[in-house]
Amino acid sequence: MEVIVLLTPEQLKELYEVDITTVDKYALPDVSQHPFDYSLSQEERMEEMIRVTGGNPYCFRHGDMLIKLEFDDTKPPLQEVFTNFLIRKKSGL
């Protein structure tokens, strides 16, 4: 049985504030080979993202590319942006 650890708002803030310029990129989990299952509920996908990213869904890598997620309530939803990114990546753009 897998145990899901709930993070406090303070812990989430600390994860969010990681300075990506100070992180060893090869210490970050690589999500490039992980297939994301869109048949899962939004909550299950969030749990999977936390698991795949080693606990920090804000800072990870895709191959050699470092990724730092930041959110802005005035912008499109993350799922839309991330889906478009992956489509462009697959197309070679």
N, C-alpha and C. Protein backbone atom coordinates (compact mmCIF):
# COMPACT_ATOMS: atom_id res chain seq x y z
N MET A 1 0.83 -1.18 0.00
CA MET A 1 0.00 0.00 0.00
C MET A 1 0.88 1.25 0.00
N GLU A 2 0.63 2.15 -0.94
CA GLU A 2 1.41 3.39 -1.04
C GLU A 2 0.85 4.42 -0.07
N VAL A 3 1.75 5.10 0.61
CA VAL A 3 1.35 6.12 1.57
C VAL A 3 1.50 7.49 0.91
N ILE A 4 0.45 8.28 0.95
CA ILE A 4 0.48 9.64 0.42
C ILE A 4 0.71 10.59 1.59
N VAL A 5 1.75 11.40 1.48
CA VAL A 5 2.07 12.36 2.53
C VAL A 5 1.49 13.71 2.13
N LEU A 6 0.68 14.27 3.00
CA LEU A 6 0.12 15.59 2.75
C LEU A 6 1.09 16.65 3.25
N LEU A 7 1.30 17.65 2.43
CA LEU A 7 2.23 18.72 2.78
C LEU A 7 1.46 19.90 3.37
N THR A 8 2.10 20.56 4.30
CA THR A 8 1.50 21.76 4.88
C THR A 8 1.67 22.92 3.90
N PRO A 9 0.89 23.98 4.04
CA PRO A 9 1.08 25.15 3.19
C PRO A 9 2.51 25.71 3.26
N GLU A 10 3.12 25.64 4.43
CA GLU A 10 4.50 26.13 4.59
C GLU A 10 5.48 25.27 3.78
N GLN A 11 5.27 23.95 3.81
CA GLN A 11 6.14 23.05 3.05
C GLN A 11 5.96 23.27 1.54
N LEU A 12 4.72 23.47 1.10
CA LEU A 12 4.47 23.74 -0.31
C LEU A 12 5.14 25.04 -0.74
N LYS A 13 5.06 26.06 0.12
CA LYS A 13 5.70 27.35 -0.19
C LYS A 13 7.20 27.17 -0.32
N GLU A 14 7.79 26.38 0.56
CA GLU A 14 9.24 26.12 0.50
C GLU A 14 9.61 25.41 -0.81
N LEU A 15 8.82 24.43 -1.22
CA LEU A 15 9.07 23.73 -2.48
C LEU A 15 8.93 24.69 -3.66
N TYR A 16 7.92 25.54 -3.62
CA TYR A 16 7.66 26.50 -4.69
C TYR A 16 8.80 27.51 -4.83
N GLU A 17 9.41 27.87 -3.72
CA GLU A 17 10.44 28.91 -3.73
C GLU A 17 11.85 28.40 -4.04
N VAL A 18 12.00 27.14 -4.41
CA VAL A 18 13.32 26.61 -4.76
C VAL A 18 13.88 27.44 -5.91
N ASP A 19 15.12 27.88 -5.77
CA ASP A 19 15.81 28.64 -6.82
C ASP A 19 16.43 27.64 -7.79
N ILE A 20 15.85 27.52 -8.97
CA ILE A 20 16.29 26.51 -9.93
C ILE A 20 17.73 26.73 -10.40
N THR A 21 18.23 27.95 -10.27
CA THR A 21 19.61 28.21 -10.70
C THR A 21 20.63 27.63 -9.73
N THR A 22 20.17 27.21 -8.55
CA THR A 22 21.10 26.66 -7.56
C THR A 22 21.00 25.14 -7.45
N VAL A 23 20.14 24.53 -8.26
CA VAL A 23 19.88 23.09 -8.17
C VAL A 23 20.74 22.32 -9.17
N ASP A 24 21.32 21.21 -8.73
CA ASP A 24 22.02 20.30 -9.64
C ASP A 24 20.97 19.60 -10.49
N LYS A 25 20.94 19.89 -11.80
CA LYS A 25 19.85 19.37 -12.62
C LYS A 25 19.78 17.85 -12.61
N TYR A 26 20.91 17.18 -12.44
CA TYR A 26 20.88 15.72 -12.44
C TYR A 26 20.41 15.15 -11.11
N ALA A 27 20.22 16.01 -10.12
CA ALA A 27 19.64 15.57 -8.85
C ALA A 27 18.11 15.61 -8.93
N LEU A 28 17.58 16.30 -9.94
CA LEU A 28 16.13 16.39 -10.11
C LEU A 28 15.61 15.18 -10.88
N PRO A 29 14.40 14.73 -10.57
CA PRO A 29 13.82 13.60 -11.29
C PRO A 29 13.53 13.98 -12.74
N ASP A 30 13.76 13.03 -13.65
CA ASP A 30 13.53 13.21 -15.08
C ASP A 30 12.16 12.62 -15.43
N VAL A 31 11.23 13.46 -15.86
CA VAL A 31 9.88 13.00 -16.18
C VAL A 31 9.71 12.66 -17.66
N SER A 32 10.77 12.76 -18.45
CA SER A 32 10.65 12.58 -19.90
C SER A 32 10.21 11.18 -20.30
N GLN A 33 10.50 10.19 -19.51
CA GLN A 33 10.13 8.82 -19.86
C GLN A 33 8.86 8.36 -19.14
N HIS A 34 8.22 9.26 -18.44
CA HIS A 34 7.03 8.88 -17.67
C HIS A 34 5.76 9.20 -18.47
N PRO A 35 4.97 8.18 -18.78
CA PRO A 35 3.70 8.45 -19.47
C PRO A 35 2.65 8.93 -18.46
N PHE A 36 2.03 10.05 -18.75
CA PHE A 36 1.00 10.58 -17.87
C PHE A 36 -0.36 10.02 -18.30
N ASP A 37 -1.11 9.53 -17.36
CA ASP A 37 -2.39 8.87 -17.62
C ASP A 37 -3.52 9.88 -17.43
N TYR A 38 -4.05 10.38 -18.55
CA TYR A 38 -5.09 11.41 -18.48
C TYR A 38 -6.46 10.83 -18.19
N SER A 39 -6.55 9.50 -18.06
CA SER A 39 -7.83 8.89 -17.66
C SER A 39 -8.03 8.99 -16.15
N LEU A 40 -6.97 9.33 -15.43
CA LEU A 40 -7.06 9.49 -13.98
C LEU A 40 -7.79 10.79 -13.64
N SER A 41 -8.36 10.84 -12.46
CA SER A 41 -9.00 12.08 -12.02
C SER A 41 -7.93 13.15 -11.80
N GLN A 42 -8.34 14.40 -11.70
CA GLN A 42 -7.39 15.49 -11.48
C GLN A 42 -6.60 15.26 -10.20
N GLU A 43 -7.29 14.82 -9.15
CA GLU A 43 -6.60 14.56 -7.88
C GLU A 43 -5.57 13.43 -8.03
N GLU A 44 -5.94 12.37 -8.74
CA GLU A 44 -5.00 11.25 -8.95
C GLU A 44 -3.81 11.69 -9.79
N ARG A 45 -4.05 12.55 -10.79
CA ARG A 45 -2.94 13.06 -11.62
C ARG A 45 -2.00 13.92 -10.79
N MET A 46 -2.56 14.73 -9.87
CA MET A 46 -1.71 15.55 -9.00
C MET A 46 -0.86 14.66 -8.11
N GLU A 47 -1.47 13.62 -7.55
CA GLU A 47 -0.73 12.69 -6.71
C GLU A 47 0.38 12.01 -7.50
N GLU A 48 0.08 11.62 -8.74
CA GLU A 48 1.08 10.98 -9.60
C GLU A 48 2.22 11.94 -9.92
N MET A 49 1.90 13.20 -10.19
CA MET A 49 2.93 14.20 -10.48
C MET A 49 3.84 14.39 -9.27
N ILE A 50 3.27 14.43 -8.09
CA ILE A 50 4.08 14.57 -6.88
C ILE A 50 4.98 13.36 -6.71
N ARG A 51 4.44 12.17 -6.98
CA ARG A 51 5.24 10.95 -6.86
C ARG A 51 6.37 10.94 -7.89
N VAL A 52 6.06 11.25 -9.14
CA VAL A 52 7.04 11.21 -10.23
C VAL A 52 8.14 12.26 -10.04
N THR A 53 7.79 13.41 -9.48
CA THR A 53 8.77 14.49 -9.32
C THR A 53 9.52 14.40 -8.00
N GLY A 54 9.38 13.31 -7.31
CA GLY A 54 10.11 13.13 -6.07
C GLY A 54 9.62 14.01 -4.94
N GLY A 55 8.38 14.47 -5.03
CA GLY A 55 7.81 15.26 -3.95
C GLY A 55 7.72 16.74 -4.23
N ASN A 56 8.43 17.24 -5.26
CA ASN A 56 8.36 18.66 -5.58
C ASN A 56 7.80 18.85 -6.99
N PRO A 57 6.49 19.06 -7.11
CA PRO A 57 5.90 19.21 -8.44
C PRO A 57 6.23 20.53 -9.12
N TYR A 58 6.93 21.42 -8.43
CA TYR A 58 7.29 22.72 -9.00
C TYR A 58 8.64 22.72 -9.69
N CYS A 59 9.49 21.74 -9.43
CA CYS A 59 10.87 21.77 -9.91
C CYS A 59 11.30 20.35 -10.30
N PHE A 60 11.54 20.14 -11.60
CA PHE A 60 11.94 18.83 -12.10
C PHE A 60 12.63 19.03 -13.44
N ARG A 61 12.94 17.96 -14.13
CA ARG A 61 13.55 18.11 -15.45
C ARG A 61 12.88 17.18 -16.45
N HIS A 62 13.01 17.56 -17.71
CA HIS A 62 12.55 16.76 -18.84
C HIS A 62 13.77 16.57 -19.72
N GLY A 63 14.44 15.41 -19.57
CA GLY A 63 15.72 15.21 -20.25
C GLY A 63 16.74 16.16 -19.64
N ASP A 64 17.36 16.99 -20.49
CA ASP A 64 18.36 17.95 -20.01
C ASP A 64 17.76 19.32 -19.67
N MET A 65 16.45 19.47 -19.87
CA MET A 65 15.81 20.76 -19.64
C MET A 65 15.26 20.85 -18.21
N LEU A 66 15.69 21.87 -17.48
CA LEU A 66 15.15 22.12 -16.15
C LEU A 66 13.80 22.80 -16.27
N ILE A 67 12.87 22.41 -15.43
CA ILE A 67 11.53 23.00 -15.45
C ILE A 67 11.18 23.49 -14.06
N LYS A 68 10.79 24.75 -14.00
CA LYS A 68 10.33 25.37 -12.74
C LYS A 68 8.93 25.90 -13.01
N LEU A 69 7.94 25.35 -12.33
CA LEU A 69 6.56 25.77 -12.52
C LEU A 69 6.23 26.92 -11.59
N GLU A 70 5.58 27.92 -12.16
CA GLU A 70 5.06 29.03 -11.38
C GLU A 70 3.65 29.29 -11.88
N PHE A 71 2.79 29.77 -11.01
CA PHE A 71 1.38 29.92 -11.35
C PHE A 71 0.95 31.37 -11.27
N ASP A 72 0.06 31.74 -12.20
CA ASP A 72 -0.51 33.08 -12.26
C ASP A 72 -2.00 32.90 -12.54
N ASP A 73 -2.83 33.35 -11.64
CA ASP A 73 -4.27 33.16 -11.78
C ASP A 73 -4.86 33.84 -13.00
N THR A 74 -4.12 34.76 -13.63
CA THR A 74 -4.64 35.45 -14.80
C THR A 74 -4.25 34.76 -16.10
N LYS A 75 -3.53 33.67 -16.02
CA LYS A 75 -3.04 32.95 -17.20
C LYS A 75 -3.85 31.67 -17.42
N PRO A 76 -3.65 31.00 -18.59
CA PRO A 76 -4.38 29.75 -18.86
C PRO A 76 -4.02 28.67 -17.84
N PRO A 77 -4.91 27.68 -17.66
CA PRO A 77 -4.65 26.60 -16.71
C PRO A 77 -3.38 25.82 -17.06
N LEU A 78 -2.71 25.32 -16.03
CA LEU A 78 -1.46 24.57 -16.21
C LEU A 78 -1.64 23.41 -17.18
N GLN A 79 -2.72 22.66 -17.06
CA GLN A 79 -2.92 21.51 -17.93
C GLN A 79 -2.90 21.93 -19.40
N GLU A 80 -3.53 23.04 -19.73
CA GLU A 80 -3.55 23.54 -21.10
C GLU A 80 -2.14 23.93 -21.56
N VAL A 81 -1.42 24.66 -20.73
CA VAL A 81 -0.07 25.09 -21.07
C VAL A 81 0.86 23.90 -21.22
N PHE A 82 0.80 22.96 -20.28
CA PHE A 82 1.68 21.79 -20.30
C PHE A 82 1.36 20.90 -21.49
N THR A 83 0.07 20.71 -21.81
CA THR A 83 -0.32 19.92 -22.98
C THR A 83 0.21 20.56 -24.25
N ASN A 84 0.06 21.86 -24.39
CA ASN A 84 0.58 22.55 -25.57
C ASN A 84 2.09 22.44 -25.66
N PHE A 85 2.77 22.53 -24.52
CA PHE A 85 4.23 22.37 -24.49
C PHE A 85 4.63 21.00 -25.01
N LEU A 86 3.97 19.96 -24.52
CA LEU A 86 4.31 18.60 -24.94
C LEU A 86 4.00 18.36 -26.41
N ILE A 87 2.93 18.94 -26.91
CA ILE A 87 2.60 18.83 -28.34
C ILE A 87 3.68 19.50 -29.17
N ARG A 88 4.10 20.70 -28.77
CA ARG A 88 5.17 21.39 -29.50
C ARG A 88 6.48 20.61 -29.43
N LYS A 89 6.79 20.08 -28.26
CA LYS A 89 8.01 19.29 -28.07
C LYS A 89 8.00 18.07 -28.99
N LYS A 90 6.88 17.38 -29.05
CA LYS A 90 6.76 16.20 -29.89
C LYS A 90 6.86 16.56 -31.37
N SER A 91 6.37 17.75 -31.73
CA SER A 91 6.42 18.22 -33.12
C SER A 91 7.79 18.75 -33.51
N GLY A 92 8.67 18.90 -32.53
CA GLY A 92 10.01 19.42 -32.82
C GLY A 92 10.09 20.92 -32.86
N LEU A 93 9.07 21.61 -32.38
CA LEU A 93 9.08 23.08 -32.39
C LEU A 93 9.78 23.64 -31.18
